[in-house]
């Protein structure tokens, strides 16, 4: 490996990184939607902020390992937040 070259990423690490990135993009999309309709803006801004600081802190503790249990728990926390958001939206249209 040449100097400055990063080590290869394992497939499991790629899956967890993709899950985190997908959840972040969903949160950014919801933030745009919330700002356009002026509904649930505080939740949308808070969710994005929680992801930024949560993922950064988890990766710092995990020393960049996406398969560390602390990073995995951070991803699953945001899966639960997404599930709650979907439940609120379903309840609103009933």
N, C-alpha and C. Protein backbone atom coordinates (compact mmCIF):
# COMPACT_ATOMS: atom_id res chain seq x y z
N UNK A 1 0.85 -1.17 0.00
CA UNK A 1 0.00 0.00 0.00
C UNK A 1 0.90 1.24 0.00
N UNK A 2 0.62 2.14 -0.91
CA UNK A 2 1.42 3.36 -1.01
C UNK A 2 1.06 4.32 0.12
N UNK A 3 1.95 5.25 0.39
CA UNK A 3 1.67 6.21 1.46
C UNK A 3 0.48 7.09 1.06
N UNK A 4 -0.40 7.34 2.01
CA UNK A 4 -1.59 8.15 1.77
C UNK A 4 -2.76 7.35 1.24
N UNK A 5 -2.56 6.06 0.97
CA UNK A 5 -3.64 5.22 0.45
C UNK A 5 -4.39 4.61 1.62
N UNK A 6 -5.71 4.63 1.54
CA UNK A 6 -6.54 4.10 2.62
C UNK A 6 -6.69 2.59 2.49
N UNK A 7 -6.87 1.89 3.61
CA UNK A 7 -7.08 0.45 3.53
C UNK A 7 -8.45 0.15 2.93
N UNK A 8 -8.61 -1.04 2.35
CA UNK A 8 -9.92 -1.38 1.76
C UNK A 8 -11.00 -1.50 2.84
N UNK A 9 -12.23 -1.22 2.44
CA UNK A 9 -13.36 -1.30 3.37
C UNK A 9 -14.06 -2.64 3.17
N UNK A 10 -14.34 -3.32 4.27
CA UNK A 10 -15.01 -4.62 4.22
C UNK A 10 -16.46 -4.45 3.77
N UNK A 11 -17.05 -5.49 3.18
CA UNK A 11 -18.45 -5.38 2.71
C UNK A 11 -19.44 -5.02 3.83
N UNK A 12 -19.23 -5.57 5.03
CA UNK A 12 -20.14 -5.23 6.14
C UNK A 12 -20.03 -3.75 6.51
N UNK A 13 -18.81 -3.22 6.47
CA UNK A 13 -18.64 -1.80 6.74
C UNK A 13 -19.33 -0.95 5.68
N UNK A 14 -19.27 -1.38 4.44
CA UNK A 14 -19.95 -0.66 3.37
C UNK A 14 -21.46 -0.64 3.57
N UNK A 15 -22.02 -1.77 4.03
CA UNK A 15 -23.47 -1.84 4.27
C UNK A 15 -23.90 -0.87 5.36
N UNK A 16 -23.16 -0.82 6.47
CA UNK A 16 -23.52 0.08 7.57
C UNK A 16 -23.33 1.53 7.18
N UNK A 17 -22.28 1.81 6.41
CA UNK A 17 -22.06 3.18 5.94
C UNK A 17 -23.17 3.60 4.98
N UNK A 18 -23.60 2.69 4.10
CA UNK A 18 -24.69 3.00 3.18
C UNK A 18 -25.99 3.23 3.93
N UNK A 19 -26.25 2.42 4.96
CA UNK A 19 -27.47 2.61 5.75
C UNK A 19 -27.47 3.98 6.42
N UNK A 20 -26.34 4.37 6.98
CA UNK A 20 -26.25 5.68 7.62
C UNK A 20 -26.43 6.80 6.60
N UNK A 21 -25.82 6.67 5.44
CA UNK A 21 -25.94 7.69 4.41
C UNK A 21 -27.38 7.78 3.89
N UNK A 22 -28.03 6.64 3.72
CA UNK A 22 -29.41 6.64 3.24
C UNK A 22 -30.34 7.31 4.25
N UNK A 23 -30.15 7.02 5.53
CA UNK A 23 -30.96 7.66 6.56
C UNK A 23 -30.71 9.16 6.61
N UNK A 24 -29.46 9.56 6.40
CA UNK A 24 -29.14 10.99 6.40
C UNK A 24 -29.82 11.68 5.22
N UNK A 25 -29.82 11.04 4.05
CA UNK A 25 -30.47 11.63 2.90
C UNK A 25 -31.99 11.70 3.08
N UNK A 26 -32.57 10.72 3.73
CA UNK A 26 -34.00 10.77 4.06
C UNK A 26 -34.28 11.95 4.99
N UNK A 27 -33.42 12.14 5.98
CA UNK A 27 -33.60 13.25 6.92
C UNK A 27 -33.47 14.60 6.21
N UNK A 28 -32.52 14.72 5.29
CA UNK A 28 -32.36 15.96 4.53
C UNK A 28 -33.58 16.19 3.64
N UNK A 29 -34.08 15.14 3.02
CA UNK A 29 -35.28 15.25 2.20
C UNK A 29 -36.49 15.67 3.01
N UNK A 30 -36.63 15.08 4.20
CA UNK A 30 -37.74 15.46 5.06
C UNK A 30 -37.59 16.90 5.55
N UNK A 31 -36.36 17.33 5.79
CA UNK A 31 -36.13 18.72 6.18
C UNK A 31 -36.60 19.66 5.07
N UNK A 32 -36.28 19.36 3.84
CA UNK A 32 -36.75 20.17 2.72
C UNK A 32 -38.26 20.19 2.63
N UNK A 33 -38.88 19.04 2.80
CA UNK A 33 -40.35 18.96 2.78
C UNK A 33 -40.95 19.75 3.94
N UNK A 34 -40.40 19.58 5.13
CA UNK A 34 -40.93 20.27 6.31
C UNK A 34 -40.81 21.79 6.16
N UNK A 35 -39.70 22.25 5.59
CA UNK A 35 -39.54 23.69 5.38
C UNK A 35 -40.50 24.22 4.33
N UNK A 36 -40.81 23.41 3.32
CA UNK A 36 -41.70 23.88 2.26
C UNK A 36 -43.15 23.96 2.71
N UNK A 37 -43.57 23.06 3.59
CA UNK A 37 -44.96 23.09 4.07
C UNK A 37 -45.10 23.68 5.47
N UNK A 38 -43.97 24.04 6.08
CA UNK A 38 -43.94 24.61 7.43
C UNK A 38 -44.64 23.71 8.46
N UNK A 39 -44.33 22.42 8.41
CA UNK A 39 -44.87 21.46 9.36
C UNK A 39 -43.74 20.60 9.90
N UNK A 40 -43.70 20.39 11.19
CA UNK A 40 -42.71 19.55 11.86
C UNK A 40 -41.28 20.03 11.59
N UNK A 41 -41.09 21.32 11.49
CA UNK A 41 -39.78 21.89 11.18
C UNK A 41 -38.79 21.61 12.31
N UNK A 42 -39.25 21.74 13.55
CA UNK A 42 -38.34 21.52 14.69
C UNK A 42 -37.84 20.08 14.70
N UNK A 43 -38.73 19.12 14.44
CA UNK A 43 -38.32 17.72 14.38
C UNK A 43 -37.31 17.51 13.26
N UNK A 44 -37.59 18.08 12.09
CA UNK A 44 -36.73 17.87 10.93
C UNK A 44 -35.33 18.44 11.17
N UNK A 45 -35.26 19.65 11.72
CA UNK A 45 -33.95 20.25 12.01
C UNK A 45 -33.23 19.46 13.10
N UNK A 46 -33.95 19.08 14.13
CA UNK A 46 -33.36 18.30 15.22
C UNK A 46 -32.86 16.94 14.77
N UNK A 47 -33.60 16.30 13.87
CA UNK A 47 -33.20 14.98 13.39
C UNK A 47 -31.89 15.07 12.59
N UNK A 48 -31.78 16.07 11.74
CA UNK A 48 -30.54 16.25 10.97
C UNK A 48 -29.38 16.56 11.92
N UNK A 49 -29.60 17.45 12.88
CA UNK A 49 -28.53 17.79 13.84
C UNK A 49 -28.13 16.57 14.66
N UNK A 50 -29.11 15.79 15.08
CA UNK A 50 -28.83 14.58 15.86
C UNK A 50 -28.00 13.60 15.04
N UNK A 51 -28.28 13.50 13.75
CA UNK A 51 -27.50 12.60 12.91
C UNK A 51 -26.07 13.10 12.73
N UNK A 52 -25.92 14.38 12.48
CA UNK A 52 -24.57 14.92 12.26
C UNK A 52 -23.70 14.70 13.49
N UNK A 53 -24.19 15.12 14.64
CA UNK A 53 -23.40 14.98 15.86
C UNK A 53 -23.31 13.53 16.32
N UNK A 54 -24.37 12.75 16.12
CA UNK A 54 -24.36 11.35 16.53
C UNK A 54 -23.39 10.51 15.72
N UNK A 55 -23.44 10.65 14.40
CA UNK A 55 -22.54 9.88 13.56
C UNK A 55 -21.08 10.31 13.77
N UNK A 56 -20.86 11.60 13.90
CA UNK A 56 -19.49 12.08 14.12
C UNK A 56 -18.94 11.56 15.44
N UNK A 57 -19.74 11.63 16.48
CA UNK A 57 -19.29 11.13 17.79
C UNK A 57 -19.09 9.62 17.79
N UNK A 58 -20.01 8.91 17.15
CA UNK A 58 -19.90 7.45 17.10
C UNK A 58 -18.66 7.03 16.32
N UNK A 59 -18.38 7.71 15.21
CA UNK A 59 -17.19 7.35 14.44
C UNK A 59 -15.91 7.72 15.18
N UNK A 60 -15.96 8.78 15.97
CA UNK A 60 -14.77 9.14 16.76
C UNK A 60 -14.50 8.07 17.81
N UNK A 61 -15.54 7.64 18.50
CA UNK A 61 -15.37 6.59 19.52
C UNK A 61 -14.97 5.27 18.87
N UNK A 62 -15.56 4.96 17.70
CA UNK A 62 -15.28 3.70 17.01
C UNK A 62 -13.98 3.73 16.22
N UNK A 63 -13.28 4.87 16.22
CA UNK A 63 -12.03 5.03 15.48
C UNK A 63 -12.21 4.72 13.99
N UNK A 64 -13.35 5.20 13.43
CA UNK A 64 -13.62 5.05 12.01
C UNK A 64 -14.17 3.71 11.57
N UNK A 65 -14.46 2.82 12.51
CA UNK A 65 -14.98 1.49 12.16
C UNK A 65 -16.50 1.54 12.09
N UNK A 66 -17.04 1.34 10.88
CA UNK A 66 -18.49 1.37 10.70
C UNK A 66 -19.20 0.17 11.29
N UNK A 67 -18.46 -0.88 11.64
CA UNK A 67 -19.10 -2.06 12.22
C UNK A 67 -19.01 -2.07 13.75
N UNK A 68 -18.54 -1.00 14.33
CA UNK A 68 -18.47 -0.90 15.79
C UNK A 68 -19.90 -0.86 16.34
N UNK A 69 -20.15 -1.54 17.46
CA UNK A 69 -21.51 -1.55 18.02
C UNK A 69 -22.08 -0.16 18.32
N UNK A 70 -21.24 0.77 18.67
CA UNK A 70 -21.72 2.13 18.96
C UNK A 70 -22.24 2.80 17.68
N UNK A 71 -21.55 2.61 16.56
CA UNK A 71 -22.03 3.18 15.30
C UNK A 71 -23.30 2.47 14.84
N UNK A 72 -23.35 1.15 15.00
CA UNK A 72 -24.54 0.40 14.63
C UNK A 72 -25.75 0.86 15.43
N UNK A 73 -25.55 1.11 16.73
CA UNK A 73 -26.67 1.57 17.56
C UNK A 73 -27.13 2.96 17.13
N UNK A 74 -26.21 3.78 16.66
CA UNK A 74 -26.57 5.11 16.16
C UNK A 74 -27.44 4.98 14.89
N UNK A 75 -27.09 4.06 14.01
CA UNK A 75 -27.88 3.84 12.80
C UNK A 75 -29.27 3.32 13.18
N UNK A 76 -29.32 2.38 14.09
CA UNK A 76 -30.61 1.81 14.49
C UNK A 76 -31.47 2.83 15.23
N UNK A 77 -30.87 3.76 15.94
CA UNK A 77 -31.61 4.84 16.57
C UNK A 77 -32.35 5.67 15.52
N UNK A 78 -31.70 5.92 14.39
CA UNK A 78 -32.32 6.71 13.35
C UNK A 78 -33.33 5.90 12.54
N UNK A 79 -33.18 4.59 12.51
CA UNK A 79 -34.22 3.73 11.92
C UNK A 79 -35.49 3.85 12.76
N UNK A 80 -35.34 3.86 14.08
CA UNK A 80 -36.49 4.02 14.96
C UNK A 80 -37.12 5.40 14.78
N UNK A 81 -36.30 6.44 14.64
CA UNK A 81 -36.84 7.79 14.40
C UNK A 81 -37.63 7.82 13.09
N UNK A 82 -37.12 7.15 12.06
CA UNK A 82 -37.84 7.08 10.79
C UNK A 82 -39.15 6.33 10.94
N UNK A 83 -39.14 5.24 11.69
CA UNK A 83 -40.36 4.47 11.93
C UNK A 83 -41.40 5.32 12.68
N UNK A 84 -40.96 6.09 13.66
CA UNK A 84 -41.88 6.97 14.37
C UNK A 84 -42.44 8.06 13.46
N UNK A 85 -41.60 8.59 12.58
CA UNK A 85 -42.06 9.60 11.63
C UNK A 85 -43.11 9.00 10.69
N UNK A 86 -42.88 7.81 10.19
CA UNK A 86 -43.84 7.15 9.33
C UNK A 86 -45.14 6.90 10.08
N UNK A 87 -45.06 6.48 11.35
CA UNK A 87 -46.26 6.24 12.15
C UNK A 87 -47.05 7.53 12.34
N UNK A 88 -46.37 8.64 12.57
CA UNK A 88 -47.06 9.93 12.74
C UNK A 88 -47.75 10.33 11.43
N UNK A 89 -47.09 10.13 10.30
CA UNK A 89 -47.68 10.50 9.03
C UNK A 89 -48.89 9.61 8.72
N UNK A 90 -48.79 8.32 8.98
CA UNK A 90 -49.92 7.41 8.76
C UNK A 90 -51.08 7.81 9.67
N UNK A 91 -50.77 8.13 10.90
CA UNK A 91 -51.83 8.53 11.85
C UNK A 91 -52.49 9.83 11.41
N UNK A 92 -51.74 10.73 10.82
CA UNK A 92 -52.29 12.02 10.39
C UNK A 92 -53.28 11.85 9.24
N UNK A 93 -53.09 10.84 8.40
CA UNK A 93 -53.97 10.65 7.26
C UNK A 93 -55.12 9.68 7.53
N UNK A 94 -55.24 9.17 8.73
CA UNK A 94 -56.36 8.28 9.08
C UNK A 94 -57.58 9.06 9.40
